[in-house]
Amino acid sequence: MDLSLSSRFKNAWNAFCNRAPTMMSQNIGSGYSYRPDRFRLTRGNERSIVTSVYNRIALDVAAINIQHVQLDDEGRFLNVIKSGLNECLSLEANLDQTGRAFIQDVVMSMMDEGCVAIIPVDTDDDPDDTKGYQILSMRVGRIRDWYPRHVRVEVYNENTGRKQEIVVPKDTVAIVENPLYAVINEPNSTMQRLIRKLNLLDAVDEQSSSGKLDLIIQLPYVIKSEARRQQAEKRRKDIEQQLSGSKYGIAYTDGTERITQLNRSLENNLMKQIEYLTSMNPTNVWAGTVQRSELCRMWTNSRFINL
């Protein structure tokens, strides 16, 4: 039905002009310069190239279409159920994440933590009182403590804008464990050893490119007394001042002095160890191909959540 010109003027709305002037003076919650609900890598993973590997695996899993469906007695597909769970998985998982971004968050958290919990935050009924309820929004939580029938999780509260810890029953949350936990998340696993070697290699590269000259100055006298030691220290500071104060970094020395430069590449076996650990990596992602068989097969088998 077409609206008249007067109705259009009456009902017109603009995002900039139709705001109350006291909007910002109201209490709308805490403000941040970054998203407080965004997942942060831990255990040194954010400083290593394994972040790109985890992100690639998470993107591949998030590309799988996960739906809430109904099956017949033979386990065959009947139809897609229009439910809150299906809306969370396909359209909007919560106020800040789409369904695909939520699955990516789950996989990234699972690869980093080893085991995470998918928590139904908003439901139409209390999960402790009934088994039949609609899930309206979901969040990913880090499991902090394990109890016989409960877990303590850290989850983002969109009402306060902060992460807080809550204790929830195990039968009301989905606990997802990394199928590659033994080789990725164990303290002495292949991936953890590879991460430590990569961090050491980064430290060595940073040290070798720090701009130090690594010079040894051999003076024409024996440095044993305190006066000679002070004279040698004065000479060292003089050469440092010449190099730092010169435009092209040039200094002069006496003809009887010898200067030995140690600025050479450090020989170590870090790269050989990294290549060895890379060849032992079961996902073979370091060779340039992401073989997602184990992880994606797990999600593919559970892509249809049966009623």
Protein backbone atom coordinates (compact mmCIF):
# COMPACT_ATOMS: atom_id res chain seq x y z
CA MET A 1 0.00 0.00 0.00
CA ASP A 2 1.45 3.37 -1.06
CA LEU A 3 1.72 6.01 1.61
CA SER A 4 0.62 9.54 1.03
CA LEU A 5 3.06 12.41 1.02
CA SER A 6 1.93 13.58 4.46
CA SER A 7 2.35 10.06 5.90
CA ARG A 8 5.86 9.86 4.52
CA PHE A 9 6.83 13.13 6.17
CA LYS A 10 5.14 12.07 9.40
CA ASN A 11 6.79 8.63 9.63
CA ALA A 12 10.16 9.52 8.11
CA TRP A 13 13.16 8.62 10.25
CA ASN A 14 16.85 9.39 9.97
CA ALA A 15 19.64 7.78 11.96
CA PHE A 16 21.38 11.11 12.55
CA CYS A 17 18.50 13.55 12.88
CA ASN A 18 15.93 11.55 14.86
CA ARG A 19 18.08 10.89 17.91
CA ALA A 20 17.26 12.34 21.30
CA PRO A 21 19.91 14.88 22.40
CA THR A 22 20.23 13.14 25.78
CA MET A 23 21.11 9.75 24.22
CA MET A 24 24.79 9.85 25.20
CA SER A 25 24.01 11.17 28.65
CA GLN A 26 22.09 7.99 29.44
CA ASN A 27 23.82 4.97 30.95
CA ILE A 28 24.38 2.70 27.92
CA GLY A 29 27.15 0.63 29.52
CA SER A 30 30.94 0.47 29.45
CA GLY A 31 32.77 1.56 26.33
CA TYR A 32 35.89 -0.04 24.84
CA SER A 33 38.23 0.78 21.99
CA TYR A 34 38.18 -2.90 20.97
CA ARG A 35 35.58 -5.64 21.03
CA PRO A 36 35.50 -7.11 24.54
CA ASP A 37 33.87 -10.32 23.34
CA ARG A 38 36.54 -11.08 20.75
CA PHE A 39 38.56 -14.24 21.30
CA ARG A 40 42.18 -13.75 22.35
CA LEU A 41 44.84 -16.40 21.78
CA THR A 42 46.91 -17.47 24.79
CA ARG A 43 50.03 -19.51 25.65
CA GLY A 44 52.19 -17.65 23.15
CA ASN A 45 50.10 -18.66 20.15
CA GLU A 46 49.45 -15.02 19.28
CA ARG A 47 53.21 -14.52 18.77
CA SER A 48 53.64 -17.47 16.42
CA ILE A 49 52.62 -18.35 12.89
CA VAL A 50 50.31 -21.05 14.22
CA THR A 51 47.66 -18.33 14.42
CA SER A 52 47.29 -18.42 10.63
CA VAL A 53 46.97 -22.21 10.73
CA TYR A 54 44.25 -22.14 13.40
CA ASN A 55 42.43 -19.40 11.52
CA ARG A 56 42.53 -21.40 8.27
CA ILE A 57 41.09 -24.48 9.96
CA ALA A 58 38.40 -22.36 11.63
CA LEU A 59 37.43 -20.81 8.29
CA ASP A 60 37.14 -24.25 6.68
CA VAL A 61 34.91 -25.54 9.49
CA ALA A 62 32.77 -22.37 9.48
CA ALA A 63 32.14 -22.86 5.76
CA ILE A 64 30.23 -26.09 6.51
CA ASN A 65 26.46 -25.63 6.63
CA ILE A 66 25.29 -26.77 10.08
CA GLN A 67 21.51 -27.03 10.50
CA HIS A 68 18.91 -28.22 12.98
CA VAL A 69 16.96 -30.90 11.08
CA GLN A 70 14.49 -33.68 11.63
CA LEU A 71 15.25 -37.27 10.59
CA ASP A 72 13.02 -40.24 10.01
CA ASP A 73 13.33 -43.63 11.72
CA GLU A 74 16.00 -44.68 9.22
CA GLY A 75 18.13 -41.61 9.93
CA ARG A 76 17.29 -39.92 6.64
CA PHE A 77 16.73 -36.21 6.21
CA LEU A 78 13.13 -34.99 6.38
CA ASN A 79 13.14 -31.22 6.77
CA VAL A 80 14.91 -28.29 8.39
CA ILE A 81 13.36 -27.29 11.70
CA LYS A 82 12.60 -23.60 12.12
CA SER A 83 13.84 -23.20 15.67
CA GLY A 84 15.94 -20.86 17.72
CA LEU A 85 18.86 -23.27 17.51
CA ASN A 86 18.74 -23.25 13.72
CA GLU A 87 18.61 -19.44 13.74
CA CYS A 88 21.70 -19.37 15.97
CA LEU A 89 23.61 -21.75 13.71
CA SER A 90 22.67 -20.18 10.40
CA LEU A 91 21.73 -16.55 10.97
CA GLU A 92 22.55 -14.90 14.31
CA ALA A 93 24.14 -16.70 17.25
CA ASN A 94 24.08 -13.70 19.57
CA LEU A 95 23.98 -9.92 19.54
CA ASP A 96 27.58 -9.64 18.27
CA GLN A 97 28.14 -12.71 16.08
CA THR A 98 26.58 -14.30 13.04
CA GLY A 99 26.22 -18.05 12.81
CA ARG A 100 29.39 -18.45 10.77
CA ALA A 101 31.42 -16.13 13.00
CA PHE A 102 30.20 -18.10 16.01
CA ILE A 103 31.41 -21.42 14.56
CA GLN A 104 34.74 -19.81 13.71
CA ASP A 105 35.00 -18.56 17.30
CA VAL A 106 34.23 -22.06 18.60
CA VAL A 107 36.95 -23.69 16.50
CA MET A 108 39.58 -21.04 17.25
CA SER A 109 38.87 -21.30 20.97
CA MET A 110 38.92 -25.10 20.79
CA MET A 111 42.27 -25.18 18.98
CA ASP A 112 43.80 -22.79 21.50
CA GLU A 113 42.24 -24.09 24.73
CA GLY A 114 41.83 -27.75 23.78
CA CYS A 115 38.30 -27.89 25.22
CA VAL A 116 35.59 -25.22 25.27
CA ALA A 117 31.90 -25.00 26.19
CA ILE A 118 29.04 -23.76 24.02
CA ILE A 119 26.63 -22.09 26.42
CA PRO A 120 22.95 -21.31 25.68
CA VAL A 121 22.68 -17.83 27.16
CA ASP A 122 19.08 -16.88 26.35
CA THR A 123 16.33 -19.52 26.41
CA ASP A 124 12.55 -19.34 26.57
CA ASP A 125 12.49 -21.58 29.68
CA ASP A 126 14.79 -22.54 32.54
CA PRO A 127 17.04 -25.46 31.39
CA ASP A 128 17.24 -26.69 34.99
CA ASP A 129 13.47 -27.23 35.13
CA THR A 130 12.72 -28.69 31.70
CA LYS A 131 14.40 -30.45 28.80
CA GLY A 132 12.21 -28.83 26.16
CA TYR A 133 13.22 -25.24 25.57
CA GLN A 134 14.16 -22.96 22.70
CA ILE A 135 17.72 -21.63 22.47
CA LEU A 136 17.68 -17.95 21.52
CA SER A 137 21.40 -17.06 21.77
CA MET A 138 24.68 -18.88 22.38
CA ARG A 139 28.19 -17.94 23.47
CA VAL A 140 31.58 -19.66 23.63
CA GLY A 141 33.08 -20.01 27.10
CA ARG A 142 36.50 -20.97 28.40
CA ILE A 143 36.33 -23.82 30.92
CA ARG A 144 38.14 -22.73 34.08
CA ASP A 145 37.24 -25.49 36.56
CA TRP A 146 35.84 -29.00 36.22
CA TYR A 147 33.39 -30.51 38.70
CA PRO A 148 31.64 -33.91 38.68
CA ARG A 149 28.43 -32.59 37.09
CA HIS A 150 29.22 -28.91 36.56
CA VAL A 151 31.84 -26.69 34.93
CA ARG A 152 32.95 -23.17 35.73
CA VAL A 153 33.19 -21.18 32.50
CA GLU A 154 34.25 -17.67 31.60
CA VAL A 155 31.75 -16.21 29.15
CA TYR A 156 30.97 -12.76 27.81
CA ASN A 157 27.91 -11.08 29.32
CA GLU A 158 26.40 -8.75 26.75
CA ASN A 159 24.30 -7.00 29.40
CA THR A 160 27.32 -5.75 31.35
CA GLY A 161 29.86 -5.73 28.52
CA ARG A 162 32.33 -7.84 30.52
CA LYS A 163 33.42 -11.46 30.80
CA GLN A 164 32.38 -13.21 33.97
CA GLU A 165 32.59 -16.71 35.41
CA ILE A 166 29.48 -18.80 36.00
CA VAL A 167 28.89 -22.41 37.09
CA VAL A 168 26.61 -24.35 34.74
CA PRO A 169 25.54 -28.03 34.63
CA LYS A 170 27.27 -30.20 32.06
CA ASP A 171 24.00 -31.47 30.64
CA THR A 172 22.91 -27.95 29.64
CA VAL A 173 26.05 -27.00 27.69
CA ALA A 174 27.92 -28.54 24.76
CA ILE A 175 31.52 -29.39 25.69
CA VAL A 176 33.64 -29.57 22.52
CA GLU A 177 37.10 -31.13 22.71
CA ASN A 178 39.83 -30.80 20.12
CA PRO A 179 40.19 -34.16 18.32
CA LEU A 180 43.90 -33.36 17.90
CA TYR A 181 44.36 -32.59 21.60
CA ALA A 182 47.21 -35.07 22.08
CA VAL A 183 49.40 -33.48 19.40
CA ILE A 184 48.34 -29.83 19.74
CA ASN A 185 47.33 -28.98 23.31
CA GLU A 186 49.34 -31.34 25.50
CA PRO A 187 52.21 -29.54 27.27
CA ASN A 188 54.91 -31.62 25.54
CA SER A 189 53.07 -32.29 22.30
CA THR A 190 54.53 -31.80 18.84
CA MET A 191 52.72 -28.51 18.25
CA GLN A 192 53.73 -27.01 21.60
CA ARG A 193 57.37 -27.94 21.00
CA LEU A 194 57.14 -26.40 17.54
CA ILE A 195 55.67 -23.19 18.99
CA ARG A 196 58.50 -22.94 21.52
CA LYS A 197 61.11 -23.46 18.79
CA LEU A 198 59.50 -20.81 16.60
CA ASN A 199 59.47 -18.34 19.50
CA LEU A 200 63.15 -19.04 20.15
CA LEU A 201 63.92 -18.54 16.46
CA ASP A 202 62.11 -15.18 16.53
CA ALA A 203 64.12 -14.16 19.59
CA VAL A 204 67.42 -15.12 17.91
CA ASP A 205 66.47 -13.23 14.73
CA GLU A 206 65.56 -10.15 16.74
CA GLN A 207 68.82 -10.30 18.66
CA SER A 208 70.93 -10.76 15.54
CA SER A 209 69.25 -7.76 13.86
CA SER A 210 69.34 -5.45 16.89
CA GLY A 211 72.07 -3.20 15.39
CA LYS A 212 74.90 -4.22 17.74
CA LEU A 213 78.43 -4.20 16.30
CA ASP A 214 79.89 -6.83 18.67
CA LEU A 215 83.46 -5.48 18.62
CA ILE A 216 86.47 -6.59 20.70
CA ILE A 217 89.20 -3.97 21.09
CA GLN A 218 92.69 -5.22 21.88
CA LEU A 219 94.70 -2.46 23.54
CA PRO A 220 98.52 -2.32 23.42
CA TYR A 221 98.88 -2.74 27.18
CA VAL A 222 97.93 -5.28 29.84
CA ILE A 223 94.75 -4.46 31.75
CA LYS A 224 95.38 -5.64 35.29
CA SER A 225 95.50 -2.58 37.46
CA GLU A 226 92.54 -0.36 38.24
CA ALA A 227 94.09 2.60 36.42
CA ARG A 228 94.54 0.58 33.21
CA ARG A 229 90.98 -0.71 33.51
CA GLN A 230 89.62 2.82 33.77
CA GLN A 231 91.76 3.87 30.82
CA ALA A 232 90.38 0.99 28.72
CA GLU A 233 86.82 1.87 29.71
CA LYS A 234 87.44 5.46 28.68
CA ARG A 235 88.78 4.27 25.34
CA ARG A 236 85.74 2.06 24.77
CA LYS A 237 83.35 4.93 25.47
CA ASP A 238 85.36 7.14 23.14
CA ILE A 239 84.93 4.70 20.25
CA GLU A 240 81.22 4.34 21.02
CA GLN A 241 80.81 8.11 20.96
CA GLN A 242 82.67 8.35 17.66
CA LEU A 243 80.44 5.73 16.02
CA SER A 244 77.17 7.12 17.38
CA GLY A 245 78.08 10.76 16.71
CA SER A 246 79.40 10.23 13.21
CA LYS A 247 77.12 10.68 10.21
CA TYR A 248 78.31 7.51 8.50
CA GLY A 249 79.38 5.56 11.62
CA ILE A 250 83.16 5.97 11.20
CA ALA A 251 85.69 5.93 14.05
CA TYR A 252 89.50 6.05 14.26
CA THR A 253 91.86 3.96 16.37
CA ASP A 254 95.53 3.91 17.20
CA GLY A 255 97.93 1.92 15.02
CA THR A 256 98.78 -0.38 17.92
CA GLU A 257 95.15 -1.28 18.62
CA ARG A 258 93.43 -4.28 17.06
CA ILE A 259 89.68 -4.54 16.51
CA THR A 260 87.94 -7.87 16.02
CA GLN A 261 84.34 -7.88 14.81
CA LEU A 262 81.99 -10.66 15.99
CA ASN A 263 79.03 -9.60 13.88
CA ARG A 264 78.53 -12.94 12.17
CA SER A 265 75.56 -15.22 11.74
CA LEU A 266 74.87 -17.45 14.72
CA GLU A 267 75.05 -21.14 13.98
CA ASN A 268 72.31 -23.12 15.69
CA ASN A 269 70.12 -26.11 14.97
CA LEU A 270 66.78 -24.37 15.51
CA MET A 271 65.82 -24.49 11.85
CA LYS A 272 66.62 -28.20 11.58
CA GLN A 273 64.52 -28.93 14.67
CA ILE A 274 61.66 -26.84 13.28
CA GLU A 275 61.79 -28.74 9.99
CA TYR A 276 61.75 -32.03 11.92
CA LEU A 277 58.75 -31.00 14.03
CA THR A 278 57.02 -29.69 10.91
CA SER A 279 57.34 -33.05 9.21
CA MET A 280 55.80 -34.68 12.32
CA ASN A 281 52.78 -32.34 12.28
CA PRO A 282 49.73 -34.52 11.50
CA THR A 283 47.78 -31.74 9.76
CA ASN A 284 50.71 -31.05 7.40
CA VAL A 285 49.78 -27.39 7.32
CA TRP A 286 53.39 -26.26 7.33
CA ALA A 287 53.99 -27.87 3.97
CA GLY A 288 51.47 -25.50 2.40
CA THR A 289 48.41 -27.75 2.35
CA VAL A 290 45.82 -27.76 5.09
CA GLN A 291 44.63 -31.33 5.50
CA ARG A 292 41.52 -30.90 7.59
CA SER A 293 40.39 -34.52 7.47
CA GLU A 294 40.15 -35.21 11.19
CA LEU A 295 38.66 -31.90 12.25
CA CYS A 296 36.28 -31.33 9.37
CA ARG A 297 35.10 -34.95 9.39
CA MET A 298 34.04 -34.46 13.00
CA TRP A 299 32.02 -31.35 12.09
CA THR A 300 30.68 -32.91 8.89
CA ASN A 301 29.29 -35.89 10.78
CA SER A 302 27.54 -33.52 13.18
CA ARG A 303 26.46 -30.92 10.63
CA PHE A 304 22.86 -32.01 11.01
CA ILE A 305 21.76 -31.74 14.62
CA ASN A 306 18.91 -34.16 15.03
CA LEU A 307 15.79 -33.26 16.95
